[in-house]
C-alpha atoms as a PDB file:
ATOM      1  CA  MET A   1     -13.062  12.332   2.955  1.00  0.00           C
ATOM      2  CA  VAL A   2     -10.967  10.897   5.797  1.00  0.00           C
ATOM      3  CA  THR A   3      -8.730   7.825   5.689  1.00  0.00           C
ATOM      4  CA  VAL A   4      -7.743   5.964   8.857  1.00  0.00           C
ATOM      5  CA  LYS A   5      -4.785   3.576   8.594  1.00  0.00           C
ATOM      6  CA  ASN A   6      -4.228   0.798  11.131  1.00  0.00           C
ATOM      7  CA  LEU A   7      -0.607   0.622  12.310  1.00  0.00           C
ATOM      8  CA  THR A   8      -1.091  -2.558  14.357  1.00  0.00           C
ATOM      9  CA  ALA A   9      -1.746  -6.250  13.766  1.00  0.00           C
ATOM     10  CA  SER A  10      -5.158  -6.004  15.446  1.00  0.00           C
ATOM     11  CA  PRO A  11      -8.415  -5.061  13.740  1.00  0.00           C
ATOM     12  CA  TYR A  12     -10.538  -2.230  15.143  1.00  0.00           C
ATOM     13  CA  ASP A  13     -14.179  -1.245  14.973  1.00  0.00           C
ATOM     14  CA  LEU A  14     -14.369   2.475  14.208  1.00  0.00           C
ATOM     15  CA  GLU A  15     -17.459   4.515  15.042  1.00  0.00           C
ATOM     16  CA  THR A  16     -19.072   6.433  12.173  1.00  0.00           C
ATOM     17  CA  THR A  17     -22.307   8.378  11.918  1.00  0.00           C
ATOM     18  CA  ALA A  18     -23.850   5.387  10.110  1.00  0.00           C
ATOM     19  CA  GLY A  19     -22.692   2.695  12.541  1.00  0.00           C
ATOM     20  CA  PHE A  20     -19.383   0.883  12.877  1.00  0.00           C
ATOM     21  CA  ALA A  21     -16.693   0.301  10.251  1.00  0.00           C
ATOM     22  CA  ARG A  22     -14.183  -2.537  10.536  1.00  0.00           C
ATOM     23  CA  LEU A  23     -10.544  -1.400  10.264  1.00  0.00           C
ATOM     24  CA  PRO A  24      -8.514  -4.489   9.319  1.00  0.00           C
ATOM     25  CA  ALA A  25      -5.031  -5.161  10.697  1.00  0.00           C
ATOM     26  CA  PHE A  26      -2.537  -2.941   8.828  1.00  0.00           C
ATOM     27  CA  GLY A  27      -5.449  -1.866   6.590  1.00  0.00           C
ATOM     28  CA  GLU A  28      -7.220   1.392   5.782  1.00  0.00           C
ATOM     29  CA  VAL A  29     -10.778   2.691   5.960  1.00  0.00           C
ATOM     30  CA  THR A  30     -11.957   5.736   4.013  1.00  0.00           C
ATOM     31  CA  ARG A  31     -15.209   7.502   4.849  1.00  0.00           C
ATOM     32  CA  PRO A  32     -17.514   8.723   3.465  1.00  0.00           C
ATOM     33  CA  THR A  33     -17.721   6.857   0.178  1.00  0.00           C
ATOM     34  CA  LYS A  34     -20.668   6.264  -2.159  1.00  0.00           C
ATOM     35  CA  GLU A  35     -20.985   2.668  -0.970  1.00  0.00           C
ATOM     36  CA  GLU A  36     -20.487   3.470   2.736  1.00  0.00           C
ATOM     37  CA  PRO A  37     -21.689   6.998   3.562  1.00  0.00           C
ATOM     38  CA  GLY A  38     -20.945   7.138   7.321  1.00  0.00           C
ATOM     39  CA  GLU A  39     -18.584   9.895   8.477  1.00  0.00           C
ATOM     40  CA  PHE A  40     -16.263  10.204  11.446  1.00  0.00           C
ATOM     41  CA  THR A  41     -17.170  13.005  13.856  1.00  0.00           C
ATOM     42  CA  GLY A  42     -14.632  15.740  14.684  1.00  0.00           C
ATOM     43  CA  ASP A  43     -14.251  14.698  18.341  1.00  0.00           C
ATOM     44  CA  TYR A  44     -13.775  11.065  17.372  1.00  0.00           C
ATOM     45  CA  LEU A  45     -11.116  12.036  14.816  1.00  0.00           C
ATOM     46  CA  GLN A  46      -9.217  13.933  17.512  1.00  0.00           C
ATOM     47  CA  ILE A  47      -9.253  10.833  19.719  1.00  0.00           C
ATOM     48  CA  LEU A  48      -8.032   8.701  16.817  1.00  0.00           C
ATOM     49  CA  GLU A  49      -5.258  11.203  15.993  1.00  0.00           C
ATOM     50  CA  ALA A  50      -4.057  11.022  19.607  1.00  0.00           C
ATOM     51  CA  SER A  51      -3.866   7.238  19.370  1.00  0.00           C
ATOM     52  CA  MET A  52      -0.570   5.634  18.462  1.00  0.00           C
ATOM     53  CA  ALA A  53      -2.406   2.668  16.928  1.00  0.00           C
ATOM     54  CA  VAL A  54      -3.828   4.452  13.894  1.00  0.00           C
ATOM     55  CA  GLN A  55      -2.876   7.244  11.508  1.00  0.00           C
ATOM     56  CA  VAL A  56      -5.539   9.722  10.382  1.00  0.00           C
ATOM     57  CA  MET A  57      -4.968  11.095   6.881  1.00  0.00           C
ATOM     58  CA  ASP A  58      -6.803  13.905   5.073  1.00  0.00           C
ATOM     59  CA  ALA A  59      -8.561  14.902   8.267  1.00  0.00           C
ATOM     60  CA  PRO A  60     -10.176  18.327   8.190  1.00  0.00           C
ATOM     61  CA  SER A  61      -8.065  20.444  10.486  1.00  0.00           C
ATOM     62  CA  ASN A  62      -9.165  23.172  12.814  1.00  0.00           C
ATOM     63  CA  PRO A  63      -7.255  26.238  11.600  1.00  0.00           C
ATOM     64  CA  ASP A  64      -5.369  28.241  14.180  1.00  0.00           C
ATOM     65  CA  PRO A  65      -7.170  31.539  14.787  1.00  0.00           C
ATOM     66  CA  LEU A  66      -3.796  33.322  14.571  1.00  0.00           C
ATOM     67  CA  ASP A  67      -3.008  31.896  11.113  1.00  0.00           C
ATOM     68  CA  HIS A  68      -3.767  34.971   9.038  1.00  0.00           C
ATOM     69  CA  ASP A  69      -2.271  33.882   5.711  1.00  0.00           C
ATOM     70  CA  GLU A  70      -3.599  30.290   5.855  1.00  0.00           C
ATOM     71  CA  ASN A  71      -0.196  28.614   5.564  1.00  0.00           C
ATOM     72  CA  GLY A  72      -0.663  26.428   8.645  1.00  0.00           C
ATOM     73  CA  LYS A  73       1.549  28.572  10.909  1.00  0.00           C
ATOM     74  CA  LYS A  74       0.627  31.304  13.350  1.00  0.00           C
ATOM     75  CA  GLY A  75       1.014  34.880  12.181  1.00  0.00           C
ATOM     76  CA  GLY A  76       1.690  36.146   8.698  1.00  0.00           C
ATOM     77  CA  SER A  77      -0.534  38.310   6.571  1.00  0.00           C
ATOM     78  CA  LYS A  78      -2.265  38.075   3.232  1.00  0.00           C
ATOM     79  CA  PRO A  79      -0.842  40.171   0.395  1.00  0.00           C
ATOM     80  CA  SER A  80      -2.753  43.341  -0.257  1.00  0.00           C
ATOM     81  CA  GLU A  81      -5.095  43.429  -3.212  1.00  0.00           C
ATOM     82  CA  ASP A  82      -4.097  46.776  -4.717  1.00  0.00           C
ATOM     83  CA  SER A  83      -5.938  47.797  -7.818  1.00  0.00           C
ATOM     84  CA  ASP A  84      -4.063  48.916 -10.906  1.00  0.00           C
ATOM     85  CA  GLU A  85      -5.472  52.414 -10.395  1.00  0.00           C
ATOM     86  CA  LEU A  86      -4.119  52.616  -6.855  1.00  0.00           C
ATOM     87  CA  THR A  87      -0.706  51.352  -7.954  1.00  0.00           C
ATOM     88  CA  LYS A  88      -0.563  53.973 -10.726  1.00  0.00           C
ATOM     89  CA  LEU A  89      -1.645  56.756  -8.350  1.00  0.00           C
ATOM     90  CA  ARG A  90       1.065  55.778  -5.873  1.00  0.00           C
ATOM     91  CA  ALA A  91       3.659  55.978  -8.647  1.00  0.00           C
ATOM     92  CA  ASP A  92       2.261  59.379  -9.740  1.00  0.00           C
ATOM     93  CA  TYR A  93       2.380  60.637  -6.147  1.00  0.00           C
ATOM     94  CA  LEU A  94       6.026  59.609  -5.852  1.00  0.00           C
ATOM     95  CA  GLU A  95       6.832  61.395  -9.108  1.00  0.00           C
ATOM     96  CA  VAL A  96       4.917  64.603  -8.295  1.00  0.00           C
ATOM     97  CA  ILE A  97       5.563  64.928  -4.558  1.00  0.00           C
ATOM     98  CA  GLY A  98       8.978  63.310  -4.446  1.00  0.00           C
ATOM     99  CA  LYS A  99       8.272  60.879  -1.619  1.00  0.00           C
ATOM    100  CA  ARG A 100       6.323  57.689  -1.150  1.00  0.00           C
ATOM    101  CA  PRO A 101       2.644  58.012  -0.213  1.00  0.00           C
ATOM    102  CA  TYR A 102       1.131  56.790   3.029  1.00  0.00           C
ATOM    103  CA  HIS A 103      -0.015  53.198   2.474  1.00  0.00           C
ATOM    104  CA  GLY A 104      -3.397  53.806   4.105  1.00  0.00           C
ATOM    105  CA  TRP A 105      -4.573  56.405   1.587  1.00  0.00           C
ATOM    106  CA  ASP A 106      -7.200  55.306  -0.881  1.00  0.00           C
ATOM    107  CA  ALA A 107      -7.342  56.294  -4.552  1.00  0.00           C
ATOM    108  CA  ASP A 108      -9.537  59.369  -3.965  1.00  0.00           C
ATOM    109  CA  GLU A 109      -7.235  60.770  -1.294  1.00  0.00           C
ATOM    110  CA  LEU A 110      -4.123  60.177  -3.379  1.00  0.00           C
ATOM    111  CA  GLN A 111      -5.712  61.879  -6.386  1.00  0.00           C
ATOM    112  CA  ALA A 112      -6.719  64.868  -4.238  1.00  0.00           C
ATOM    113  CA  LYS A 113      -3.164  65.266  -2.908  1.00  0.00           C
ATOM    114  CA  ILE A 114      -1.670  64.992  -6.415  1.00  0.00           C
ATOM    115  CA  ASP A 115      -4.166  67.568  -7.754  1.00  0.00           C
ATOM    116  CA  ALA A 116      -3.418  69.936  -4.874  1.00  0.00           C
ATOM    117  CA  LYS A 117       0.332  69.740  -5.523  1.00  0.00           C
ATOM    118  CA  LEU A 118      -0.129  70.274  -9.268  1.00  0.00           C
ATOM    119  CA  ALA A 119      -2.362  73.299  -8.606  1.00  0.00           C
ATOM    120  CA  GLU A 120       0.403  75.085  -6.662  1.00  0.00           C
END
């Protein structure tokens, strides 16, 4: 759902997929609604956002392809989803070997290295 707010004293006709919608002076138009189902297209929303006469609110944004953690800024990374088993094996490896394990090892590899050290 997108709301367009008029910042001027002049009304506007806004183009929707179901025809035109009247944007009153200093008023707001929200689309789609149950009563008025027409939507604004993405290109048209970009034109409206560039305009100084209206303010587009709740517009679906095009995410930056470099926004990896979805916080609206370029860069970043999502936290790893370590399982409880992997976390425990990393702690066991540190205890048995005496140093931290390589972060790229999976649970099977960690267990094999721990077993090999214990077998010595």
